PDB file of N, CA and C in Angstrom:
ATOM      1  N   UNK A   1       0.874  -1.174   0.053  1.00  0.00           N
ATOM      2  CA  UNK A   1       0.001   0.020  -0.038  1.00  0.00           C
ATOM      3  C   UNK A   1       0.906   1.207   0.013  1.00  0.00           C
ATOM      4  N   UNK A   2       0.594   2.137  -0.854  1.00  0.00           N
ATOM      5  CA  UNK A   2       1.427   3.336  -0.983  1.00  0.00           C
ATOM      6  C   UNK A   2       0.985   4.339   0.084  1.00  0.00           C
ATOM      7  N   UNK A   3       2.077   5.036   0.621  1.00  0.00           N
ATOM      8  CA  UNK A   3       1.830   6.020   1.634  1.00  0.00           C
ATOM      9  C   UNK A   3       1.778   7.409   0.907  1.00  0.00           C
ATOM     10  N   UNK A   4       0.782   8.179   1.284  1.00  0.00           N
ATOM     11  CA  UNK A   4       0.652   9.522   0.616  1.00  0.00           C
ATOM     12  C   UNK A   4       1.618  10.472   1.194  1.00  0.00           C
ATOM     13  N   UNK A   5       2.199  11.284   0.287  1.00  0.00           N
ATOM     14  CA  UNK A   5       3.128  12.400   0.679  1.00  0.00           C
ATOM     15  C   UNK A   5       2.349  13.482   1.438  1.00  0.00           C
ATOM     16  N   UNK A   6       3.000  14.194   2.356  1.00  0.00           N
ATOM     17  CA  UNK A   6       2.275  15.194   3.116  1.00  0.00           C
ATOM     18  C   UNK A   6       1.503  16.159   2.245  1.00  0.00           C
ATOM     19  N   UNK A   7       2.099  16.558   1.050  1.00  0.00           N
ATOM     20  CA  UNK A   7       1.505  17.452   0.114  1.00  0.00           C
ATOM     21  C   UNK A   7       0.170  16.903  -0.270  1.00  0.00           C
ATOM     22  N   UNK A   8       0.127  15.636  -0.578  1.00  0.00           N
ATOM     23  CA  UNK A   8      -1.156  14.940  -0.981  1.00  0.00           C
ATOM     24  C   UNK A   8      -2.219  15.029   0.118  1.00  0.00           C
ATOM     25  N   UNK A   9      -1.793  14.835   1.312  1.00  0.00           N
ATOM     26  CA  UNK A   9      -2.723  14.892   2.396  1.00  0.00           C
ATOM     27  C   UNK A   9      -3.237  16.321   2.562  1.00  0.00           C
ATOM     28  N   UNK A  10      -2.411  17.278   2.416  1.00  0.00           N
ATOM     29  CA  UNK A  10      -2.807  18.696   2.500  1.00  0.00           C
ATOM     30  C   UNK A  10      -3.822  19.020   1.434  1.00  0.00           C
ATOM     31  N   UNK A  11      -3.544  18.564   0.267  1.00  0.00           N
ATOM     32  CA  UNK A  11      -4.474  18.782  -0.906  1.00  0.00           C
ATOM     33  C   UNK A  11      -5.782  18.069  -0.691  1.00  0.00           C
ATOM     34  N   UNK A  12      -5.733  16.813  -0.115  1.00  0.00           N
ATOM     35  CA  UNK A  12      -7.004  16.128   0.162  1.00  0.00           C
ATOM     36  C   UNK A  12      -7.786  16.875   1.231  1.00  0.00           C
ATOM     37  N   UNK A  13      -7.134  17.375   2.181  1.00  0.00           N
ATOM     38  CA  UNK A  13      -7.807  18.162   3.347  1.00  0.00           C
ATOM     39  C   UNK A  13      -8.449  19.412   2.763  1.00  0.00           C
ATOM     40  N   UNK A  14      -7.740  20.133   1.906  1.00  0.00           N
ATOM     41  CA  UNK A  14      -8.244  21.371   1.311  1.00  0.00           C
ATOM     42  C   UNK A  14      -9.519  21.073   0.475  1.00  0.00           C
ATOM     43  N   UNK A  15      -9.381  19.951  -0.259  1.00  0.00           N
ATOM     44  CA  UNK A  15     -10.570  19.490  -1.087  1.00  0.00           C
ATOM     45  C   UNK A  15     -11.755  19.204  -0.250  1.00  0.00           C
ATOM     46  N   UNK A  16     -11.583  18.536   0.882  1.00  0.00           N
ATOM     47  CA  UNK A  16     -12.660  18.158   1.812  1.00  0.00           C
ATOM     48  C   UNK A  16     -13.293  19.516   2.292  1.00  0.00           C
ATOM     49  N   UNK A  17     -12.451  20.472   2.690  1.00  0.00           N
ATOM     50  CA  UNK A  17     -13.024  21.774   3.077  1.00  0.00           C
ATOM     51  C   UNK A  17     -13.808  22.395   1.969  1.00  0.00           C
ATOM     52  N   UNK A  18     -13.236  22.414   0.814  1.00  0.00           N
ATOM     53  CA  UNK A  18     -13.906  23.065  -0.321  1.00  0.00           C
ATOM     54  C   UNK A  18     -15.213  22.445  -0.633  1.00  0.00           C
ATOM     55  N   UNK A  19     -15.326  21.100  -0.572  1.00  0.00           N
ATOM     56  CA  UNK A  19     -16.615  20.492  -0.891  1.00  0.00           C
ATOM     57  C   UNK A  19     -17.632  20.570   0.224  1.00  0.00           C
ATOM     58  N   UNK A  20     -17.133  20.573   1.442  1.00  0.00           N
ATOM     59  CA  UNK A  20     -18.069  20.501   2.547  1.00  0.00           C
ATOM     60  C   UNK A  20     -18.321  21.734   3.383  1.00  0.00           C
ATOM     61  N   UNK A  21     -17.339  22.675   3.315  1.00  0.00           N
ATOM     62  CA  UNK A  21     -17.429  23.944   4.036  1.00  0.00           C
ATOM     63  C   UNK A  21     -16.760  25.076   3.241  1.00  0.00           C
ATOM     64  N   UNK A  22     -17.134  25.359   2.051  1.00  0.00           N
ATOM     65  CA  UNK A  22     -16.429  26.342   1.259  1.00  0.00           C
ATOM     66  C   UNK A  22     -16.382  27.733   1.906  1.00  0.00           C
ATOM     67  N   UNK A  23     -17.213  28.006   2.773  1.00  0.00           N
ATOM     68  CA  UNK A  23     -17.199  29.335   3.451  1.00  0.00           C
ATOM     69  C   UNK A  23     -15.905  29.508   4.289  1.00  0.00           C
ATOM     70  N   UNK A  24     -15.216  28.382   4.629  1.00  0.00           N
ATOM     71  CA  UNK A  24     -13.988  28.497   5.371  1.00  0.00           C
ATOM     72  C   UNK A  24     -12.780  28.848   4.493  1.00  0.00           C
ATOM     73  N   UNK A  25     -12.961  28.745   3.163  1.00  0.00           N
ATOM     74  CA  UNK A  25     -11.856  29.132   2.294  1.00  0.00           C
ATOM     75  C   UNK A  25     -11.609  30.589   2.191  1.00  0.00           C
ATOM     76  N   UNK A  26     -10.373  30.958   1.884  1.00  0.00           N
ATOM     77  CA  UNK A  26     -10.088  32.384   1.682  1.00  0.00           C
ATOM     78  C   UNK A  26     -10.693  32.694   0.253  1.00  0.00           C
ATOM     79  N   UNK A  27     -10.847  33.960  -0.079  1.00  0.00           N
ATOM     80  CA  UNK A  27     -11.361  34.318  -1.355  1.00  0.00           C
ATOM     81  C   UNK A  27     -10.602  33.703  -2.527  1.00  0.00           C
ATOM     82  N   UNK A  28      -9.245  33.733  -2.337  1.00  0.00           N
ATOM     83  CA  UNK A  28      -8.371  33.171  -3.409  1.00  0.00           C
ATOM     84  C   UNK A  28      -8.625  31.670  -3.512  1.00  0.00           C
ATOM     85  N   UNK A  29      -8.662  30.973  -2.421  1.00  0.00           N
ATOM     86  CA  UNK A  29      -8.794  29.457  -2.408  1.00  0.00           C
ATOM     87  C   UNK A  29     -10.207  29.166  -3.060  1.00  0.00           C
ATOM     88  N   UNK A  30     -11.223  29.871  -2.618  1.00  0.00           N
ATOM     89  CA  UNK A  30     -12.530  29.661  -3.132  1.00  0.00           C
ATOM     90  C   UNK A  30     -12.592  29.827  -4.683  1.00  0.00           C
ATOM     91  N   UNK A  31     -11.918  30.927  -5.224  1.00  0.00           N
ATOM     92  CA  UNK A  31     -11.887  31.180  -6.669  1.00  0.00           C
ATOM     93  C   UNK A  31     -11.132  29.970  -7.329  1.00  0.00           C
ATOM     94  N   UNK A  32     -10.050  29.487  -6.722  1.00  0.00           N
ATOM     95  CA  UNK A  32      -9.316  28.396  -7.301  1.00  0.00           C
ATOM     96  C   UNK A  32     -10.189  27.052  -7.287  1.00  0.00           C
ATOM     97  N   UNK A  33     -10.987  26.893  -6.268  1.00  0.00           N
ATOM     98  CA  UNK A  33     -11.828  25.753  -6.211  1.00  0.00           C
ATOM     99  C   UNK A  33     -12.903  25.833  -7.263  1.00  0.00           C
ATOM    100  N   UNK A  34     -13.507  26.991  -7.335  1.00  0.00           N
ATOM    101  CA  UNK A  34     -14.613  27.180  -8.328  1.00  0.00           C
ATOM    102  C   UNK A  34     -14.036  27.041  -9.764  1.00  0.00           C
ATOM    103  N   UNK A  35     -12.851  27.522 -10.062  1.00  0.00           N
ATOM    104  CA  UNK A  35     -12.311  27.318 -11.394  1.00  0.00           C
ATOM    105  C   UNK A  35     -12.004  25.860 -11.683  1.00  0.00           C
ATOM    106  N   UNK A  36     -11.505  25.194 -10.656  1.00  0.00           N
ATOM    107  CA  UNK A  36     -11.166  23.766 -10.830  1.00  0.00           C
ATOM    108  C   UNK A  36     -12.457  23.000 -11.050  1.00  0.00           C
ATOM    109  N   UNK A  37     -13.495  23.249 -10.307  1.00  0.00           N
ATOM    110  CA  UNK A  37     -14.770  22.661 -10.400  1.00  0.00           C
ATOM    111  C   UNK A  37     -15.450  22.861 -11.823  1.00  0.00           C
ATOM    112  N   UNK A  38     -15.368  24.090 -12.322  1.00  0.00           N
ATOM    113  CA  UNK A  38     -15.840  24.389 -13.616  1.00  0.00           C
ATOM    114  C   UNK A  38     -15.157  23.634 -14.701  1.00  0.00           C
ATOM    115  N   UNK A  39     -13.784  23.557 -14.563  1.00  0.00           N
ATOM    116  CA  UNK A  39     -12.943  22.784 -15.443  1.00  0.00           C
ATOM    117  C   UNK A  39     -13.354  21.323 -15.515  1.00  0.00           C
ATOM    118  N   UNK A  40     -13.551  20.716 -14.341  1.00  0.00           N
ATOM    119  CA  UNK A  40     -13.961  19.360 -14.266  1.00  0.00           C
ATOM    120  C   UNK A  40     -15.324  19.112 -14.937  1.00  0.00           C
ATOM    121  N   UNK A  41     -16.287  19.982 -14.629  1.00  0.00           N
ATOM    122  CA  UNK A  41     -17.634  19.764 -15.157  1.00  0.00           C
ATOM    123  C   UNK A  41     -17.686  20.044 -16.657  1.00  0.00           C
ATOM    124  N   UNK A  42     -16.735  20.854 -17.105  1.00  0.00           N
ATOM    125  CA  UNK A  42     -16.737  21.282 -18.600  1.00  0.00           C
ATOM    126  C   UNK A  42     -15.831  20.385 -19.365  1.00  0.00           C
ATOM    127  N   UNK A  43     -15.311  19.319 -18.821  1.00  0.00           N
ATOM    128  CA  UNK A  43     -14.324  18.482 -19.506  1.00  0.00           C
ATOM    129  C   UNK A  43     -15.008  17.900 -20.831  1.00  0.00           C
ATOM    130  N   UNK A  44     -14.104  17.685 -21.869  1.00  0.00           N
ATOM    131  CA  UNK A  44     -14.679  17.090 -22.990  1.00  0.00           C
ATOM    132  C   UNK A  44     -15.151  15.654 -22.787  1.00  0.00           C
ATOM    133  N   UNK A  45     -16.025  15.228 -23.632  1.00  0.00           N
ATOM    134  CA  UNK A  45     -16.659  13.880 -23.544  1.00  0.00           C
ATOM    135  C   UNK A  45     -15.741  12.908 -24.362  1.00  0.00           C
ATOM    136  N   UNK A  46     -14.554  12.564 -23.756  1.00  0.00           N
ATOM    137  CA  UNK A  46     -13.657  11.720 -24.431  1.00  0.00           C
ATOM    138  C   UNK A  46     -13.291  10.612 -23.434  1.00  0.00           C
ATOM    139  N   UNK A  47     -12.883   9.430 -23.888  1.00  0.00           N
ATOM    140  CA  UNK A  47     -12.525   8.349 -22.996  1.00  0.00           C
ATOM    141  C   UNK A  47     -11.526   8.716 -21.956  1.00  0.00           C
ATOM    142  N   UNK A  48     -10.602   9.694 -22.224  1.00  0.00           N
ATOM    143  CA  UNK A  48      -9.544  10.016 -21.240  1.00  0.00           C
ATOM    144  C   UNK A  48     -10.187  10.781 -20.061  1.00  0.00           C
ATOM    145  N   UNK A  49     -11.384  11.269 -20.133  1.00  0.00           N
ATOM    146  CA  UNK A  49     -12.002  11.897 -18.989  1.00  0.00           C
ATOM    147  C   UNK A  49     -12.450  10.796 -18.041  1.00  0.00           C
ATOM    148  N   UNK A  50     -11.835  10.746 -16.925  1.00  0.00           N
ATOM    149  CA  UNK A  50     -12.090   9.584 -15.955  1.00  0.00           C
ATOM    150  C   UNK A  50     -13.225   9.961 -14.987  1.00  0.00           C
ATOM    151  N   UNK A  51     -13.723  11.142 -14.938  1.00  0.00           N
ATOM    152  CA  UNK A  51     -14.751  11.468 -14.032  1.00  0.00           C
ATOM    153  C   UNK A  51     -16.044  11.830 -14.654  1.00  0.00           C
ATOM    154  N   UNK A  52     -17.109  12.012 -13.963  1.00  0.00           N
ATOM    155  CA  UNK A  52     -18.433  12.333 -14.519  1.00  0.00           C
ATOM    156  C   UNK A  52     -18.435  13.857 -14.795  1.00  0.00           C
ATOM    157  N   UNK A  53     -18.483  14.161 -16.048  1.00  0.00           N
ATOM    158  CA  UNK A  53     -18.533  15.636 -16.414  1.00  0.00           C
ATOM    159  C   UNK A  53     -19.984  16.033 -16.475  1.00  0.00           C
ATOM    160  N   UNK A  54     -20.275  17.310 -16.673  1.00  0.00           N
ATOM    161  CA  UNK A  54     -21.574  17.917 -16.694  1.00  0.00           C
ATOM    162  C   UNK A  54     -22.416  17.246 -17.829  1.00  0.00           C
ATOM    163  N   UNK A  55     -21.775  17.085 -18.977  1.00  0.00           N
ATOM    164  CA  UNK A  55     -22.477  16.441 -20.116  1.00  0.00           C
ATOM    165  C   UNK A  55     -22.874  14.994 -19.785  1.00  0.00           C
ATOM    166  N   UNK A  56     -22.022  14.288 -19.187  1.00  0.00           N
ATOM    167  CA  UNK A  56     -22.368  12.872 -18.843  1.00  0.00           C
ATOM    168  C   UNK A  56     -23.399  12.829 -17.864  1.00  0.00           C
ATOM    169  N   UNK A  57     -23.421  13.682 -16.818  1.00  0.00           N
ATOM    170  CA  UNK A  57     -24.382  13.788 -15.840  1.00  0.00           C
ATOM    171  C   UNK A  57     -25.753  14.149 -16.383  1.00  0.00           C
ATOM    172  N   UNK A  58     -25.804  15.131 -17.316  1.00  0.00           N
ATOM    173  CA  UNK A  58     -27.068  15.469 -17.896  1.00  0.00           C
ATOM    174  C   UNK A  58     -27.636  14.346 -18.784  1.00  0.00           C
ATOM    175  N   UNK A  59     -26.785  13.601 -19.454  1.00  0.00           N
ATOM    176  CA  UNK A  59     -27.150  12.442 -20.233  1.00  0.00           C
ATOM    177  C   UNK A  59     -27.765  11.366 -19.348  1.00  0.00           C
ATOM    178  N   UNK A  60     -27.115  11.199 -18.189  1.00  0.00           N
ATOM    179  CA  UNK A  60     -27.670  10.207 -17.298  1.00  0.00           C
ATOM    180  C   UNK A  60     -29.097  10.582 -16.776  1.00  0.00           C
ATOM    181  N   UNK A  61     -29.236  11.904 -16.571  1.00  0.00           N
ATOM    182  CA  UNK A  61     -30.535  12.348 -16.115  1.00  0.00           C
ATOM    183  C   UNK A  61     -31.624  12.183 -17.257  1.00  0.00           C
ATOM    184  N   UNK A  62     -31.231  12.361 -18.478  1.00  0.00           N
ATOM    185  CA  UNK A  62     -32.161  12.040 -19.610  1.00  0.00           C
ATOM    186  C   UNK A  62     -32.609  10.600 -19.594  1.00  0.00           C
ATOM    187  N   UNK A  63     -31.602   9.711 -19.330  1.00  0.00           N
ATOM    188  CA  UNK A  63     -31.948   8.327 -19.255  1.00  0.00           C
ATOM    189  C   UNK A  63     -32.925   7.986 -18.061  1.00  0.00           C
ATOM    190  N   UNK A  64     -32.663   8.643 -16.898  1.00  0.00           N
ATOM    191  CA  UNK A  64     -33.415   8.464 -15.709  1.00  0.00           C
ATOM    192  C   UNK A  64     -34.898   8.906 -15.958  1.00  0.00           C
ATOM    193  N   UNK A  65     -35.118   9.919 -16.723  1.00  0.00           N
ATOM    194  CA  UNK A  65     -36.466  10.438 -16.943  1.00  0.00           C
ATOM    195  C   UNK A  65     -37.359   9.343 -17.627  1.00  0.00           C
ATOM    196  N   UNK A  66     -36.796   8.410 -18.282  1.00  0.00           N
ATOM    197  CA  UNK A  66     -37.427   7.338 -18.925  1.00  0.00           C
ATOM    198  C   UNK A  66     -37.902   6.200 -18.029  1.00  0.00           C
ATOM    199  N   UNK A  67     -37.362   6.283 -16.797  1.00  0.00           N
ATOM    200  CA  UNK A  67     -37.720   5.224 -15.752  1.00  0.00           C
ATOM    201  C   UNK A  67     -38.811   5.762 -14.818  1.00  0.00           C
ATOM    202  N   UNK A  68     -40.014   5.241 -15.108  1.00  0.00           N
ATOM    203  CA  UNK A  68     -41.202   5.677 -14.402  1.00  0.00           C
ATOM    204  C   UNK A  68     -41.133   5.488 -12.912  1.00  0.00           C
ATOM    205  N   UNK A  69     -40.264   4.624 -12.419  1.00  0.00           N
ATOM    206  CA  UNK A  69     -40.166   4.419 -10.949  1.00  0.00           C
ATOM    207  C   UNK A  69     -39.309   5.508 -10.245  1.00  0.00           C
ATOM    208  N   UNK A  70     -38.696   6.370 -10.998  1.00  0.00           N
ATOM    209  CA  UNK A  70     -37.887   7.377 -10.356  1.00  0.00           C
ATOM    210  C   UNK A  70     -38.620   8.756 -10.160  1.00  0.00           C
ATOM    211  N   UNK A  71     -38.284   9.488  -9.142  1.00  0.00           N
ATOM    212  CA  UNK A  71     -38.904  10.717  -8.804  1.00  0.00           C
ATOM    213  C   UNK A  71     -38.544  11.877  -9.795  1.00  0.00           C
ATOM    214  N   UNK A  72     -39.385  12.238 -10.568  1.00  0.00           N
ATOM    215  CA  UNK A  72     -39.055  13.340 -11.638  1.00  0.00           C
ATOM    216  C   UNK A  72     -38.710  14.665 -10.895  1.00  0.00           C
ATOM    217  N   UNK A  73     -39.352  14.975  -9.753  1.00  0.00           N
ATOM    218  CA  UNK A  73     -39.003  16.193  -9.141  1.00  0.00           C
ATOM    219  C   UNK A  73     -37.560  16.160  -8.669  1.00  0.00           C
ATOM    220  N   UNK A  74     -37.083  15.073  -8.147  1.00  0.00           N
ATOM    221  CA  UNK A  74     -35.634  14.876  -7.679  1.00  0.00           C
ATOM    222  C   UNK A  74     -34.776  14.996  -8.833  1.00  0.00           C
ATOM    223  N   UNK A  75     -35.128  14.392  -9.993  1.00  0.00           N
ATOM    224  CA  UNK A  75     -34.236  14.552 -11.189  1.00  0.00           C
ATOM    225  C   UNK A  75     -34.158  16.036 -11.685  1.00  0.00           C
ATOM    226  N   UNK A  76     -35.286  16.734 -11.614  1.00  0.00           N
ATOM    227  CA  UNK A  76     -35.255  18.144 -11.867  1.00  0.00           C
ATOM    228  C   UNK A  76     -34.444  18.983 -10.993  1.00  0.00           C
ATOM    229  N   UNK A  77     -34.417  18.607  -9.681  1.00  0.00           N
ATOM    230  CA  UNK A  77     -33.606  19.312  -8.698  1.00  0.00           C
ATOM    231  C   UNK A  77     -32.054  19.086  -9.010  1.00  0.00           C
ATOM    232  N   UNK A  78     -31.761  17.868  -9.401  1.00  0.00           N
ATOM    233  CA  UNK A  78     -30.363  17.557  -9.723  1.00  0.00           C
ATOM    234  C   UNK A  78     -30.026  18.319 -11.011  1.00  0.00           C
ATOM    235  N   UNK A  79     -30.848  18.393 -11.908  1.00  0.00           N
ATOM    236  CA  UNK A  79     -30.534  19.061 -13.202  1.00  0.00           C
ATOM    237  C   UNK A  79     -30.439  20.603 -12.929  1.00  0.00           C
ATOM    238  N   UNK A  80     -31.228  21.148 -12.103  1.00  0.00           N
ATOM    239  CA  UNK A  80     -31.131  22.586 -11.722  1.00  0.00           C
ATOM    240  C   UNK A  80     -29.739  22.849 -11.126  1.00  0.00           C
ATOM    241  N   UNK A  81     -29.236  21.970 -10.269  1.00  0.00           N
ATOM    242  CA  UNK A  81     -27.932  22.086  -9.720  1.00  0.00           C
ATOM    243  C   UNK A  81     -26.897  22.045 -10.745  1.00  0.00           C
ATOM    244  N   UNK A  82     -27.000  21.167 -11.651  1.00  0.00           N
ATOM    245  CA  UNK A  82     -25.978  21.122 -12.765  1.00  0.00           C
ATOM    246  C   UNK A  82     -25.958  22.230 -13.631  1.00  0.00           C
ATOM    247  N   UNK A  83     -27.132  22.838 -13.890  1.00  0.00           N
ATOM    248  CA  UNK A  83     -27.279  23.895 -14.821  1.00  0.00           C
ATOM    249  C   UNK A  83     -26.518  25.180 -14.272  1.00  0.00           C
ATOM    250  N   UNK A  84     -26.331  25.223 -12.905  1.00  0.00           N
ATOM    251  CA  UNK A  84     -25.647  26.384 -12.416  1.00  0.00           C
ATOM    252  C   UNK A  84     -24.157  26.474 -12.997  1.00  0.00           C
ATOM    253  N   UNK A  85     -23.651  25.370 -13.464  1.00  0.00           N
ATOM    254  CA  UNK A  85     -22.294  25.452 -14.029  1.00  0.00           C
ATOM    255  C   UNK A  85     -22.355  25.905 -15.479  1.00  0.00           C
ATOM    256  N   UNK A  86     -23.556  26.166 -15.976  1.00  0.00           N
ATOM    257  CA  UNK A  86     -23.663  26.759 -17.378  1.00  0.00           C
ATOM    258  C   UNK A  86     -23.339  28.222 -17.367  1.00  0.00           C
ATOM    259  N   UNK A  87     -23.552  28.825 -16.142  1.00  0.00           N
ATOM    260  CA  UNK A  87     -23.365  30.268 -16.060  1.00  0.00           C
ATOM    261  C   UNK A  87     -21.877  30.611 -15.974  1.00  0.00           C
ATOM    262  N   UNK A  88     -21.542  31.718 -16.589  1.00  0.00           N
ATOM    263  CA  UNK A  88     -20.085  32.119 -16.486  1.00  0.00           C
ATOM    264  C   UNK A  88     -19.698  32.441 -15.028  1.00  0.00           C
ATOM    265  N   UNK A  89     -18.402  32.322 -14.774  1.00  0.00           N
ATOM    266  CA  UNK A  89     -17.949  32.701 -13.438  1.00  0.00           C
ATOM    267  C   UNK A  89     -18.086  34.174 -13.159  1.00  0.00           C
ATOM    268  N   UNK A  90     -18.236  34.439 -11.846  1.00  0.00           N
ATOM    269  CA  UNK A  90     -18.255  35.835 -11.503  1.00  0.00           C
ATOM    270  C   UNK A  90     -19.400  36.244 -10.685  1.00  0.00           C
TER     271      UNK A  90
END
């Protein structure tokens, strides 16, 4: 099992704060986090993209809408959340 370097642990800790308590970040750190998040969500739809991008997530929601057993209101809430990344930063 690989041991993480202290820098990796610091990065993981900052990421946890950014995701769970962004109000604790400095304005500069928050801007960096928001830019990183926008970049991730806006990633191209190519096999090299190893995470769920905004486009993939919206596509999954489209598929979910076809399943009558799923809550359409909840799907709409998730879509509204994802659509906030359509807006320019600032």
